[in-house]
N, C-alpha and C. Protein backbone atom coordinates (compact mmCIF):
# COMPACT_ATOMS: atom_id res chain seq x y z
N MET A 1 0.84 -1.17 0.00
CA MET A 1 0.00 0.00 0.00
C MET A 1 0.90 1.25 0.00
N PRO A 2 0.64 2.22 -0.86
CA PRO A 2 1.45 3.44 -0.87
C PRO A 2 1.20 4.27 0.39
N ARG A 3 2.19 5.04 0.74
CA ARG A 3 2.05 5.92 1.90
C ARG A 3 1.14 7.09 1.54
N VAL A 4 0.30 7.47 2.48
CA VAL A 4 -0.60 8.61 2.29
C VAL A 4 -0.32 9.60 3.39
N PHE A 5 -0.23 10.89 3.04
CA PHE A 5 0.07 11.94 4.01
C PHE A 5 -1.05 12.96 4.01
N ASP A 6 -1.30 13.55 5.19
CA ASP A 6 -2.29 14.63 5.25
C ASP A 6 -1.62 15.95 4.88
N ILE A 7 -2.34 17.03 4.96
CA ILE A 7 -1.83 18.34 4.54
C ILE A 7 -0.65 18.81 5.38
N ASN A 8 -0.52 18.31 6.61
CA ASN A 8 0.59 18.68 7.48
C ASN A 8 1.75 17.69 7.41
N PHE A 9 1.72 16.81 6.41
CA PHE A 9 2.76 15.83 6.14
C PHE A 9 2.87 14.77 7.24
N HIS A 10 1.77 14.47 7.93
CA HIS A 10 1.72 13.34 8.86
C HIS A 10 1.23 12.13 8.07
N GLN A 11 1.83 11.00 8.31
CA GLN A 11 1.40 9.78 7.60
C GLN A 11 0.05 9.34 8.16
N VAL A 12 -0.87 8.98 7.26
CA VAL A 12 -2.20 8.52 7.65
C VAL A 12 -2.49 7.18 6.99
N ASP A 13 -3.37 6.38 7.62
CA ASP A 13 -3.74 5.10 7.03
C ASP A 13 -4.92 5.30 6.08
N ALA A 14 -5.41 4.20 5.50
CA ALA A 14 -6.49 4.27 4.51
C ALA A 14 -7.76 4.89 5.07
N ALA A 15 -8.00 4.77 6.37
CA ALA A 15 -9.20 5.33 7.00
C ALA A 15 -9.01 6.81 7.37
N GLY A 16 -7.80 7.34 7.18
CA GLY A 16 -7.54 8.74 7.50
C GLY A 16 -7.02 8.96 8.90
N ALA A 17 -6.79 7.88 9.65
CA ALA A 17 -6.26 8.00 11.01
C ALA A 17 -4.74 8.19 10.96
N ALA A 18 -4.24 9.02 11.86
CA ALA A 18 -2.81 9.29 11.90
C ALA A 18 -2.04 8.03 12.29
N VAL A 19 -0.92 7.82 11.62
CA VAL A 19 -0.04 6.69 11.91
C VAL A 19 1.13 7.25 12.71
N PRO A 20 1.43 6.69 13.89
CA PRO A 20 2.55 7.23 14.68
C PRO A 20 3.87 7.03 13.96
N PRO A 21 4.80 7.96 14.13
CA PRO A 21 6.10 7.82 13.48
C PRO A 21 6.86 6.64 14.07
N PRO A 22 7.82 6.09 13.31
CA PRO A 22 8.62 5.00 13.85
C PRO A 22 9.47 5.50 15.01
N PRO A 23 9.92 4.62 15.90
CA PRO A 23 10.75 5.05 17.01
C PRO A 23 12.03 5.72 16.50
N ALA A 24 12.46 6.74 17.19
CA ALA A 24 13.65 7.47 16.78
C ALA A 24 14.88 6.60 16.98
N ALA A 25 15.71 6.58 15.98
CA ALA A 25 16.98 5.87 16.09
C ALA A 25 18.07 6.91 16.22
N GLY A 26 18.96 6.71 17.12
CA GLY A 26 20.04 7.67 17.25
C GLY A 26 20.39 7.95 18.69
N VAL A 27 20.87 9.15 18.92
CA VAL A 27 21.41 9.53 20.21
C VAL A 27 20.29 9.97 21.15
N GLU A 28 20.41 9.55 22.40
CA GLU A 28 19.50 10.00 23.44
C GLU A 28 20.33 10.65 24.54
N CYS A 29 19.72 11.57 25.25
CA CYS A 29 20.38 12.25 26.36
C CYS A 29 20.65 11.24 27.47
N PRO A 30 21.89 11.16 27.96
CA PRO A 30 22.19 10.20 29.03
C PRO A 30 21.57 10.59 30.37
N THR A 31 21.16 11.84 30.53
CA THR A 31 20.58 12.29 31.79
C THR A 31 19.09 12.02 31.86
N CYS A 32 18.34 12.49 30.84
CA CYS A 32 16.87 12.40 30.91
C CYS A 32 16.28 11.41 29.90
N GLY A 33 17.09 10.89 28.95
CA GLY A 33 16.60 9.92 27.98
C GLY A 33 15.87 10.53 26.80
N CYS A 34 15.81 11.84 26.74
CA CYS A 34 15.13 12.56 25.67
C CYS A 34 15.92 12.40 24.36
N ALA A 35 15.22 12.26 23.24
CA ALA A 35 15.88 12.15 21.93
C ALA A 35 15.84 13.46 21.17
N ASP A 36 15.37 14.54 21.81
CA ASP A 36 15.25 15.85 21.16
C ASP A 36 16.53 16.64 21.42
N LEU A 37 17.53 16.41 20.58
CA LEU A 37 18.83 17.05 20.73
C LEU A 37 19.05 18.02 19.58
N ARG A 38 19.73 19.12 19.86
CA ARG A 38 20.06 20.07 18.79
C ARG A 38 21.58 20.09 18.61
N ILE A 39 22.01 20.35 17.39
CA ILE A 39 23.44 20.39 17.09
C ILE A 39 23.97 21.75 17.50
N VAL A 40 25.02 21.74 18.32
CA VAL A 40 25.63 22.97 18.80
C VAL A 40 26.87 23.29 17.97
N GLU A 41 27.67 22.27 17.65
CA GLU A 41 28.93 22.47 16.96
C GLU A 41 29.29 21.22 16.16
N VAL A 42 29.86 21.41 14.97
CA VAL A 42 30.33 20.31 14.14
C VAL A 42 31.76 20.63 13.72
N ARG A 43 32.66 19.68 13.92
CA ARG A 43 34.06 19.87 13.51
C ARG A 43 34.52 18.67 12.72
N GLY A 44 35.18 18.94 11.61
CA GLY A 44 35.81 17.87 10.84
C GLY A 44 37.15 17.52 11.45
N ARG A 45 37.52 16.26 11.37
CA ARG A 45 38.78 15.78 11.92
C ARG A 45 39.62 15.22 10.78
N PRO A 46 40.94 15.16 10.96
CA PRO A 46 41.78 14.54 9.93
C PRO A 46 41.33 13.10 9.68
N GLY A 47 41.35 12.70 8.43
CA GLY A 47 40.94 11.35 8.08
C GLY A 47 39.45 11.23 7.81
N GLY A 48 38.74 12.36 7.81
CA GLY A 48 37.31 12.34 7.47
C GLY A 48 36.38 12.15 8.64
N ALA A 49 36.90 12.02 9.85
CA ALA A 49 36.02 11.85 11.02
C ALA A 49 35.31 13.17 11.33
N VAL A 50 34.12 13.08 11.90
CA VAL A 50 33.34 14.25 12.25
C VAL A 50 32.98 14.18 13.74
N ARG A 51 33.17 15.29 14.44
CA ARG A 51 32.79 15.37 15.85
C ARG A 51 31.62 16.33 15.97
N ARG A 52 30.55 15.89 16.63
CA ARG A 52 29.37 16.73 16.81
C ARG A 52 29.11 16.93 18.29
N ARG A 53 28.85 18.18 18.68
CA ARG A 53 28.42 18.49 20.03
C ARG A 53 26.92 18.73 19.96
N LEU A 54 26.17 18.00 20.77
CA LEU A 54 24.71 18.10 20.79
C LEU A 54 24.28 18.56 22.17
N ALA A 55 23.16 19.29 22.24
CA ALA A 55 22.61 19.73 23.52
C ALA A 55 21.17 19.26 23.61
N CYS A 56 20.80 18.72 24.75
CA CYS A 56 19.43 18.26 24.99
C CYS A 56 18.53 19.49 25.13
N ARG A 57 17.42 19.51 24.43
CA ARG A 57 16.49 20.63 24.53
C ARG A 57 15.69 20.59 25.83
N HIS A 58 15.70 19.45 26.50
CA HIS A 58 14.92 19.30 27.74
C HIS A 58 15.73 19.73 28.97
N CYS A 59 16.91 19.13 29.15
CA CYS A 59 17.68 19.39 30.37
C CYS A 59 18.95 20.22 30.13
N GLY A 60 19.36 20.38 28.86
CA GLY A 60 20.54 21.19 28.56
C GLY A 60 21.86 20.45 28.56
N ARG A 61 21.88 19.18 28.94
CA ARG A 61 23.12 18.41 28.96
C ARG A 61 23.71 18.32 27.57
N ARG A 62 25.03 18.42 27.47
CA ARG A 62 25.72 18.32 26.19
C ARG A 62 26.32 16.93 26.02
N VAL A 63 26.28 16.46 24.76
CA VAL A 63 26.75 15.12 24.40
C VAL A 63 27.67 15.28 23.19
N THR A 64 28.73 14.50 23.12
CA THR A 64 29.64 14.51 21.98
C THR A 64 29.52 13.19 21.24
N THR A 65 29.39 13.27 19.91
CA THR A 65 29.40 12.06 19.08
C THR A 65 30.55 12.17 18.09
N ARG A 66 31.10 11.04 17.75
CA ARG A 66 32.17 10.98 16.75
C ARG A 66 31.81 9.95 15.70
N ALA A 67 31.96 10.35 14.45
CA ALA A 67 31.64 9.43 13.35
C ALA A 67 32.72 9.46 12.30
């Protein structure tokens, strides 16, 4: 079945009921468990690695990721 979206770009089923989004994959705040993080800083590293500083929108804790 093709995906159907309402005017606000929420996925809906054939009956028009909203379909909940899939669970968020990625980084969660280690303090409060919130997945609503904003990017504060991004730095490139030698060899192509990237370091990201993220801040939790709920409690303000900062998290560093390296990829």
